[in-house]
PDB file of all heavy atoms in Angstrom:
ATOM      1  N   LEU A   1     -83.657  61.540 -97.600  1.00  0.00           N
ATOM      2  CA  LEU A   1     -84.778  61.781 -98.503  1.00  0.00           C
ATOM      3  C   LEU A   1     -85.320  63.201 -98.355  1.00  0.00           C
ATOM      4  O   LEU A   1     -85.759  63.820 -99.326  1.00  0.00           O
ATOM      5  CB  LEU A   1     -85.888  60.761 -98.246  1.00  0.00           C
ATOM      6  CG  LEU A   1     -85.809  59.437 -99.008  1.00  0.00           C
ATOM      7  CD1 LEU A   1     -84.498  58.700 -98.757  1.00  0.00           C
ATOM      8  CD2 LEU A   1     -86.989  58.539 -98.663  1.00  0.00           C
ATOM      9  N   ALA A   2     -85.280  63.725 -97.118  1.00  0.00           N
ATOM     10  CA  ALA A   2     -85.808  65.066 -96.874  1.00  0.00           C
ATOM     11  C   ALA A   2     -84.975  66.153 -97.548  1.00  0.00           C
ATOM     12  O   ALA A   2     -85.494  67.225 -97.884  1.00  0.00           O
ATOM     13  CB  ALA A   2     -85.881  65.325 -95.372  1.00  0.00           C
ATOM     14  N   THR A   3     -83.686  65.905 -97.749  1.00  0.00           N
ATOM     15  CA  THR A   3     -82.816  66.948 -98.306  1.00  0.00           C
ATOM     16  C   THR A   3     -83.286  67.432 -99.673  1.00  0.00           C
ATOM     17  O   THR A   3     -83.033  68.581-100.052  1.00  0.00           O
ATOM     18  CB  THR A   3     -81.364  66.457 -98.427  1.00  0.00           C
ATOM     19  OG1 THR A   3     -81.298  65.348 -99.337  1.00  0.00           O
ATOM     20  CG2 THR A   3     -80.812  66.031 -97.070  1.00  0.00           C
ATOM     21  N   PHE A   4     -83.981  66.577-100.407  1.00  0.00           N
ATOM     22  CA  PHE A   4     -84.384  66.952-101.763  1.00  0.00           C
ATOM     23  C   PHE A   4     -85.510  67.987-101.761  1.00  0.00           C
ATOM     24  O   PHE A   4     -85.712  68.682-102.762  1.00  0.00           O
ATOM     25  CB  PHE A   4     -84.784  65.709-102.553  1.00  0.00           C
ATOM     26  CG  PHE A   4     -83.600  64.817-102.840  1.00  0.00           C
ATOM     27  CD1 PHE A   4     -83.242  63.818-101.956  1.00  0.00           C
ATOM     28  CD2 PHE A   4     -82.835  64.997-103.979  1.00  0.00           C
ATOM     29  CE1 PHE A   4     -82.139  63.007-102.197  1.00  0.00           C
ATOM     30  CE2 PHE A   4     -81.730  64.196-104.230  1.00  0.00           C
ATOM     31  CZ  PHE A   4     -81.379  63.200-103.341  1.00  0.00           C
ATOM     32  N   ARG A   5     -86.255  68.101-100.654  1.00  0.00           N
ATOM     33  CA  ARG A   5     -87.273  69.163-100.582  1.00  0.00           C
ATOM     34  C   ARG A   5     -86.601  70.535-100.567  1.00  0.00           C
ATOM     35  O   ARG A   5     -87.160  71.504-101.088  1.00  0.00           O
ATOM     36  CB  ARG A   5     -88.128  69.011 -99.327  1.00  0.00           C
ATOM     37  CG  ARG A   5     -88.808  67.654 -99.138  1.00  0.00           C
ATOM     38  CD  ARG A   5     -89.849  67.333-100.183  1.00  0.00           C
ATOM     39  NE  ARG A   5     -89.257  66.804-101.397  1.00  0.00           N
ATOM     40  CZ  ARG A   5     -88.782  65.562-101.518  1.00  0.00           C
ATOM     41  NH1 ARG A   5     -88.767  64.741-100.494  1.00  0.00           N
ATOM     42  NH2 ARG A   5     -88.293  65.150-102.678  1.00  0.00           N
ATOM     43  N   SER A   6     -85.410  70.629 -99.973  1.00  0.00           N
ATOM     44  CA  SER A   6     -84.702  71.910 -99.976  1.00  0.00           C
ATOM     45  C   SER A   6     -84.277  72.293-101.380  1.00  0.00           C
ATOM     46  O   SER A   6     -84.293  73.477-101.743  1.00  0.00           O
ATOM     47  CB  SER A   6     -83.478  71.835 -99.054  1.00  0.00           C
ATOM     48  OG  SER A   6     -83.855  71.919 -97.704  1.00  0.00           O
ATOM     49  N   ILE A   7     -83.863  71.320-102.190  1.00  0.00           N
ATOM     50  CA  ILE A   7     -83.467  71.627-103.573  1.00  0.00           C
ATOM     51  C   ILE A   7     -84.691  72.027-104.378  1.00  0.00           C
ATOM     52  O   ILE A   7     -84.654  72.988-105.155  1.00  0.00           O
ATOM     53  CB  ILE A   7     -82.765  70.426-104.220  1.00  0.00           C
ATOM     54  CG1 ILE A   7     -81.588  69.950-103.371  1.00  0.00           C
ATOM     55  CG2 ILE A   7     -82.276  70.796-105.624  1.00  0.00           C
ATOM     56  CD1 ILE A   7     -80.910  68.698-103.905  1.00  0.00           C
ATOM     57  N   GLU A   8     -85.797  71.294-104.217  1.00  0.00           N
ATOM     58  CA  GLU A   8     -87.013  71.610-104.975  1.00  0.00           C
ATOM     59  C   GLU A   8     -87.498  73.027-104.682  1.00  0.00           C
ATOM     60  O   GLU A   8     -87.907  73.750-105.597  1.00  0.00           O
ATOM     61  CB  GLU A   8     -88.116  70.614-104.616  1.00  0.00           C
ATOM     62  CG  GLU A   8     -87.876  69.219-105.154  1.00  0.00           C
ATOM     63  CD  GLU A   8     -88.774  68.187-104.505  1.00  0.00           C
ATOM     64  OE1 GLU A   8     -89.505  68.528-103.540  1.00  0.00           O
ATOM     65  OE2 GLU A   8     -88.739  67.024-104.942  1.00  0.00           O
ATOM     66  N   ALA A   9     -87.466  73.439-103.416  1.00  0.00           N
ATOM     67  CA  ALA A   9     -87.985  74.756-103.032  1.00  0.00           C
ATOM     68  C   ALA A   9     -86.911  75.830-103.014  1.00  0.00           C
ATOM     69  O   ALA A   9     -87.226  77.014-102.939  1.00  0.00           O
ATOM     70  CB  ALA A   9     -88.640  74.669-101.652  1.00  0.00           C
ATOM     71  N   ARG A  10     -85.620  75.409-103.024  1.00  0.00           N
ATOM     72  CA  ARG A  10     -84.486  76.332-102.850  1.00  0.00           C
ATOM     73  C   ARG A  10     -84.626  77.124-101.559  1.00  0.00           C
ATOM     74  O   ARG A  10     -84.508  78.340-101.515  1.00  0.00           O
ATOM     75  CB  ARG A  10     -84.348  77.257-104.051  1.00  0.00           C
ATOM     76  CG  ARG A  10     -83.786  76.603-105.288  1.00  0.00           C
ATOM     77  CD  ARG A  10     -82.458  75.928-105.035  1.00  0.00           C
ATOM     78  NE  ARG A  10     -81.851  75.401-106.257  1.00  0.00           N
ATOM     79  CZ  ARG A  10     -80.924  74.445-106.282  1.00  0.00           C
ATOM     80  NH1 ARG A  10     -80.514  73.908-105.141  1.00  0.00           N
ATOM     81  NH2 ARG A  10     -80.416  74.031-107.406  1.00  0.00           N
ATOM     82  N   ARG A  11     -84.890  76.352-100.478  1.00  0.00           N
ATOM     83  CA  ARG A  11     -84.993  76.928 -99.149  1.00  0.00           C
ATOM     84  C   ARG A  11     -84.227  76.046 -98.166  1.00  0.00           C
ATOM     85  O   ARG A  11     -84.099  74.833 -98.346  1.00  0.00           O
ATOM     86  CB  ARG A  11     -86.462  77.012 -98.698  1.00  0.00           C
ATOM     87  CG  ARG A  11     -87.326  77.971 -99.514  1.00  0.00           C
ATOM     88  CD  ARG A  11     -86.865  79.411 -99.383  1.00  0.00           C
ATOM     89  NE  ARG A  11     -87.789  80.353 -99.996  1.00  0.00           N
ATOM     90  CZ  ARG A  11     -87.673  80.830-101.231  1.00  0.00           C
ATOM     91  NH1 ARG A  11     -86.669  80.441-102.002  1.00  0.00           N
ATOM     92  NH2 ARG A  11     -88.559  81.700-101.688  1.00  0.00           N
ATOM     93  N   SER A  12     -83.737  76.671 -97.105  1.00  0.00           N
ATOM     94  CA  SER A  12     -83.121  75.905 -96.026  1.00  0.00           C
ATOM     95  C   SER A  12     -84.185  75.092 -95.307  1.00  0.00           C
ATOM     96  O   SER A  12     -85.366  75.453 -95.302  1.00  0.00           O
ATOM     97  CB  SER A  12     -82.455  76.843 -95.020  1.00  0.00           C
ATOM     98  OG  SER A  12     -81.462  77.639 -95.627  1.00  0.00           O
ATOM     99  N   MET A  13     -83.754  73.996 -94.683  1.00  0.00           N
ATOM    100  CA  MET A  13     -84.661  73.205 -93.855  1.00  0.00           C
ATOM    101  C   MET A  13     -84.106  73.103 -92.442  1.00  0.00           C
ATOM    102  O   MET A  13     -82.926  72.815 -92.244  1.00  0.00           O
ATOM    103  CB  MET A  13     -84.864  71.785 -94.420  1.00  0.00           C
ATOM    104  CG  MET A  13     -85.781  70.916 -93.547  1.00  0.00           C
ATOM    105  SD  MET A  13     -85.995  69.205 -94.130  1.00  0.00           S
ATOM    106  CE  MET A  13     -87.044  69.474 -95.556  1.00  0.00           C
ATOM    107  N   ILE A  14     -84.989  73.349 -91.479  1.00  0.00           N
ATOM    108  CA  ILE A  14     -84.688  73.150 -90.054  1.00  0.00           C
ATOM    109  C   ILE A  14     -85.392  71.861 -89.655  1.00  0.00           C
ATOM    110  O   ILE A  14     -86.615  71.759 -89.773  1.00  0.00           O
ATOM    111  CB  ILE A  14     -85.216  74.321 -89.214  1.00  0.00           C
ATOM    112  CG1 ILE A  14     -84.579  75.641 -89.666  1.00  0.00           C
ATOM    113  CG2 ILE A  14     -84.989  74.091 -87.740  1.00  0.00           C
ATOM    114  CD1 ILE A  14     -85.279  76.879 -89.131  1.00  0.00           C
ATOM    115  N   ARG A  15     -84.632  70.891 -89.174  1.00  0.00           N
ATOM    116  CA  ARG A  15     -85.216  69.555 -88.936  1.00  0.00           C
ATOM    117  C   ARG A  15     -84.891  69.080 -87.526  1.00  0.00           C
ATOM    118  O   ARG A  15     -83.742  68.820 -87.188  1.00  0.00           O
ATOM    119  CB  ARG A  15     -84.680  68.568 -89.978  1.00  0.00           C
ATOM    120  CG  ARG A  15     -85.375  67.220 -89.965  1.00  0.00           C
ATOM    121  CD  ARG A  15     -84.965  66.387 -91.184  1.00  0.00           C
ATOM    122  NE  ARG A  15     -85.806  65.226 -91.307  1.00  0.00           N
ATOM    123  CZ  ARG A  15     -85.543  64.053 -90.733  1.00  0.00           C
ATOM    124  NH1 ARG A  15     -84.436  63.907 -90.006  1.00  0.00           N
ATOM    125  NH2 ARG A  15     -86.353  63.027 -90.882  1.00  0.00           N
ATOM    126  N   SER A  16     -85.935  68.943 -86.707  1.00  0.00           N
ATOM    127  CA  SER A  16     -85.764  68.542 -85.312  1.00  0.00           C
ATOM    128  C   SER A  16     -86.422  67.190 -85.084  1.00  0.00           C
ATOM    129  O   SER A  16     -87.593  66.993 -85.420  1.00  0.00           O
ATOM    130  CB  SER A  16     -86.387  69.595 -84.392  1.00  0.00           C
ATOM    131  OG  SER A  16     -86.270  69.211 -83.037  1.00  0.00           O
ATOM    132  N   THR A  17     -85.678  66.253 -84.482  1.00  0.00           N
ATOM    133  CA  THR A  17     -86.191  64.917 -84.223  1.00  0.00           C
ATOM    134  C   THR A  17     -85.970  64.530 -82.757  1.00  0.00           C
ATOM    135  O   THR A  17     -85.115  65.088 -82.083  1.00  0.00           O
ATOM    136  CB  THR A  17     -85.504  63.869 -85.116  1.00  0.00           C
ATOM    137  OG1 THR A  17     -84.150  63.715 -84.677  1.00  0.00           O
ATOM    138  CG2 THR A  17     -85.500  64.299 -86.574  1.00  0.00           C
ATOM    139  N   ASN A  18     -86.739  63.533 -82.306  1.00  0.00           N
ATOM    140  CA  ASN A  18     -86.650  63.094 -80.905  1.00  0.00           C
ATOM    141  C   ASN A  18     -85.332  62.414 -80.583  1.00  0.00           C
ATOM    142  O   ASN A  18     -84.698  62.696 -79.569  1.00  0.00           O
ATOM    143  CB  ASN A  18     -87.785  62.110 -80.587  1.00  0.00           C
ATOM    144  CG  ASN A  18     -89.142  62.737 -80.725  1.00  0.00           C
ATOM    145  OD1 ASN A  18     -89.525  63.154 -81.809  1.00  0.00           O
ATOM    146  ND2 ASN A  18     -89.881  62.813 -79.640  1.00  0.00           N
ATOM    147  N   THR A  19     -84.945  61.467 -81.435  1.00  0.00           N
ATOM    148  CA  THR A  19     -83.780  60.619 -81.158  1.00  0.00           C
ATOM    149  C   THR A  19     -82.740  60.689 -82.263  1.00  0.00           C
ATOM    150  O   THR A  19     -81.817  59.884 -82.284  1.00  0.00           O
ATOM    151  CB  THR A  19     -84.231  59.157 -80.972  1.00  0.00           C
ATOM    152  OG1 THR A  19     -84.975  58.737 -82.122  1.00  0.00           O
ATOM    153  CG2 THR A  19     -85.101  59.000 -79.733  1.00  0.00           C
ATOM    154  N   GLY A  20     -82.868  61.618 -83.171  1.00  0.00           N
ATOM    155  CA  GLY A  20     -81.946  61.754 -84.290  1.00  0.00           C
ATOM    156  C   GLY A  20     -82.577  61.209 -85.572  1.00  0.00           C
ATOM    157  O   GLY A  20     -83.454  60.367 -85.520  1.00  0.00           O
ATOM    158  N   VAL A  21     -82.187  61.756 -86.698  1.00  0.00           N
ATOM    159  CA  VAL A  21     -81.090  62.692 -86.829  1.00  0.00           C
ATOM    160  C   VAL A  21     -81.669  64.101 -87.053  1.00  0.00           C
ATOM    161  O   VAL A  21     -82.409  64.326 -87.998  1.00  0.00           O
ATOM    162  CB  VAL A  21     -80.203  62.319 -88.025  1.00  0.00           C
ATOM    163  CG1 VAL A  21     -79.060  63.301 -88.197  1.00  0.00           C
ATOM    164  CG2 VAL A  21     -79.710  60.875 -87.922  1.00  0.00           C
ATOM    165  N   SER A  22     -81.341  65.043 -86.124  1.00  0.00           N
ATOM    166  CA  SER A  22     -81.722  66.439 -86.297  1.00  0.00           C
ATOM    167  C   SER A  22     -80.659  67.124 -87.160  1.00  0.00           C
ATOM    168  O   SER A  22     -79.485  66.752 -87.102  1.00  0.00           O
ATOM    169  CB  SER A  22     -81.822  67.143 -84.950  1.00  0.00           C
ATOM    170  OG  SER A  22     -82.746  66.481 -84.101  1.00  0.00           O
ATOM    171  N   ALA A  23     -81.069  68.117 -87.951  1.00  0.00           N
ATOM    172  CA  ALA A  23     -80.096  68.669 -88.901  1.00  0.00           C
ATOM    173  C   ALA A  23     -80.526  70.027 -89.429  1.00  0.00           C
ATOM    174  O   ALA A  23     -81.706  70.406 -89.374  1.00  0.00           O
ATOM    175  CB  ALA A  23     -79.914  67.704 -90.069  1.00  0.00           C
ATOM    176  N   PHE A  24     -79.536  70.746 -89.944  1.00  0.00           N
ATOM    177  CA  PHE A  24     -79.748  71.940 -90.760  1.00  0.00           C
ATOM    178  C   PHE A  24     -79.354  71.586 -92.194  1.00  0.00           C
ATOM    179  O   PHE A  24     -78.261  71.072 -92.431  1.00  0.00           O
ATOM    180  CB  PHE A  24     -78.898  73.104 -90.258  1.00  0.00           C
ATOM    181  CG  PHE A  24     -79.243  73.558 -88.870  1.00  0.00           C
ATOM    182  CD1 PHE A  24     -78.319  73.444 -87.836  1.00  0.00           C
ATOM    183  CD2 PHE A  24     -80.487  74.105 -88.581  1.00  0.00           C
ATOM    184  CE1 PHE A  24     -78.622  73.859 -86.553  1.00  0.00           C
ATOM    185  CE2 PHE A  24     -80.802  74.525 -87.294  1.00  0.00           C
ATOM    186  CZ  PHE A  24     -79.867  74.405 -86.277  1.00  0.00           C
ATOM    187  N   ILE A  25     -80.253  71.864 -93.137  1.00  0.00           N
ATOM    188  CA  ILE A  25     -80.020  71.553 -94.553  1.00  0.00           C
ATOM    189  C   ILE A  25     -80.055  72.859 -95.322  1.00  0.00           C
ATOM    190  O   ILE A  25     -80.977  73.669 -95.141  1.00  0.00           O
ATOM    191  CB  ILE A  25     -81.100  70.587 -95.080  1.00  0.00           C
ATOM    192  CG1 ILE A  25     -81.121  69.299 -94.240  1.00  0.00           C
ATOM    193  CG2 ILE A  25     -80.866  70.262 -96.549  1.00  0.00           C
ATOM    194  CD1 ILE A  25     -82.337  68.441 -94.466  1.00  0.00           C
ATOM    195  N   ASP A  26     -79.074  73.087 -96.176  1.00  0.00           N
ATOM    196  CA  ASP A  26     -79.037  74.349 -96.921  1.00  0.00           C
ATOM    197  C   ASP A  26     -79.832  74.238 -98.217  1.00  0.00           C
ATOM    198  O   ASP A  26     -80.281  73.147 -98.598  1.00  0.00           O
ATOM    199  CB  ASP A  26     -77.586  74.806 -97.144  1.00  0.00           C
ATOM    200  CG  ASP A  26     -76.854  74.032 -98.230  1.00  0.00           C
ATOM    201  OD1 ASP A  26     -77.468  73.200 -98.927  1.00  0.00           O
ATOM    202  OD2 ASP A  26     -75.642  74.256 -98.388  1.00  0.00           O
ATOM    203  N   PRO A  27     -80.062  75.356 -98.934  1.00  0.00           N
ATOM    204  CA  PRO A  27     -80.894  75.326-100.141  1.00  0.00           C
ATOM    205  C   PRO A  27     -80.308  74.502-101.285  1.00  0.00           C
ATOM    206  O   PRO A  27     -80.988  74.285-102.294  1.00  0.00           O
ATOM    207  CB  PRO A  27     -80.997  76.810-100.530  1.00  0.00           C
ATOM    208  CG  PRO A  27     -80.806  77.553 -99.257  1.00  0.00           C
ATOM    209  CD  PRO A  27     -79.775  76.754 -98.510  1.00  0.00           C
ATOM    210  N   LEU A  28     -79.073  74.053-101.164  1.00  0.00           N
ATOM    211  CA  LEU A  28     -78.478  73.151-102.153  1.00  0.00           C
ATOM    212  C   LEU A  28     -78.712  71.686-101.798  1.00  0.00           C
ATOM    213  O   LEU A  28     -78.261  70.793-102.513  1.00  0.00           O
ATOM    214  CB  LEU A  28     -76.972  73.418-102.254  1.00  0.00           C
ATOM    215  CG  LEU A  28     -76.581  74.701-102.972  1.00  0.00           C
ATOM    216  CD1 LEU A  28     -75.186  75.144-102.570  1.00  0.00           C
ATOM    217  CD2 LEU A  28     -76.664  74.516-104.479  1.00  0.00           C
ATOM    218  N   GLY A  29     -79.424  71.437-100.695  1.00  0.00           N
ATOM    219  CA  GLY A  29     -79.671  70.073-100.269  1.00  0.00           C
ATOM    220  C   GLY A  29     -78.535  69.467 -99.478  1.00  0.00           C
ATOM    221  O   GLY A  29     -78.550  68.265 -99.197  1.00  0.00           O
ATOM    222  N   ARG A  30     -77.568  70.272 -99.079  1.00  0.00           N
ATOM    223  CA  ARG A  30     -76.433  69.770 -98.312  1.00  0.00           C
ATOM    224  C   ARG A  30     -76.739  69.814 -96.818  1.00  0.00           C
ATOM    225  O   ARG A  30     -77.323  70.778 -96.329  1.00  0.00           O
ATOM    226  CB  ARG A  30     -75.182  70.601 -98.615  1.00  0.00           C
ATOM    227  CG  ARG A  30     -74.777  70.575-100.084  1.00  0.00           C
ATOM    228  CD  ARG A  30     -73.582  71.449-100.376  1.00  0.00           C
ATOM    229  NE  ARG A  30     -73.793  72.848-100.023  1.00  0.00           N
ATOM    230  CZ  ARG A  30     -73.029  73.848-100.427  1.00  0.00           C
ATOM    231  NH1 ARG A  30     -71.998  73.603-101.230  1.00  0.00           N
ATOM    232  NH2 ARG A  30     -73.274  75.098-100.053  1.00  0.00           N
ATOM    233  N   ILE A  31     -76.340  68.775 -96.111  1.00  0.00           N
ATOM    234  CA  ILE A  31     -76.525  68.723 -94.661  1.00  0.00           C
ATOM    235  C   ILE A  31     -75.412  69.540 -94.027  1.00  0.00           C
ATOM    236  O   ILE A  31     -74.253  69.120 -93.984  1.00  0.00           O
ATOM    237  CB  ILE A  31     -76.510  67.272 -94.164  1.00  0.00           C
ATOM    238  CG1 ILE A  31     -77.635  66.473 -94.836  1.00  0.00           C
ATOM    239  CG2 ILE A  31     -76.663  67.230 -92.650  1.00  0.00           C
ATOM    240  CD1 ILE A  31     -77.563  64.984 -94.590  1.00  0.00           C
ATOM    241  N   ALA A  32     -75.763  70.732 -93.534  1.00  0.00           N
ATOM    242  CA  ALA A  32     -74.757  71.641 -92.983  1.00  0.00           C
ATOM    243  C   ALA A  32     -74.250  71.155 -91.635  1.00  0.00           C
ATOM    244  O   ALA A  32     -73.061  71.301 -91.322  1.00  0.00           O
ATOM    245  CB  ALA A  32     -75.345  73.049 -92.856  1.00  0.00           C
ATOM    246  N   ASP A  33     -75.150  70.598 -90.831  1.00  0.00           N
ATOM    247  CA  ASP A  33     -74.751  70.073 -89.523  1.00  0.00           C
ATOM    248  C   ASP A  33     -75.849  69.132 -89.052  1.00  0.00           C
ATOM    249  O   ASP A  33     -77.023  69.295 -89.414  1.00  0.00           O
ATOM    250  CB  ASP A  33     -74.563  71.219 -88.516  1.00  0.00           C
ATOM    251  CG  ASP A  33     -73.682  70.810 -87.333  1.00  0.00           C
ATOM    252  OD1 ASP A  33     -73.235  69.641 -87.298  1.00  0.00           O
ATOM    253  OD2 ASP A  33     -73.438  71.661 -86.468  1.00  0.00           O
ATOM    254  N   SER A  34     -75.485  68.146 -88.244  1.00  0.00           N
ATOM    255  CA  SER A  34     -76.475  67.178 -87.776  1.00  0.00           C
ATOM    256  C   SER A  34     -76.057  66.610 -86.430  1.00  0.00           C
ATOM    257  O   SER A  34     -74.897  66.731 -86.014  1.00  0.00           O
ATOM    258  CB  SER A  34     -76.641  66.044 -88.790  1.00  0.00           C
ATOM    259  OG  SER A  34     -75.433  65.315 -88.945  1.00  0.00           O
TER     260      SER A  34
END
């Protein structure tokens, strides 16, 4: 669900979580790595 904020803003997202899933999301809403 969070990936769509990257598309709306056209910005990358840095996402850090305690137990997963942590990820890098690119401005196209694609999960680059997790």
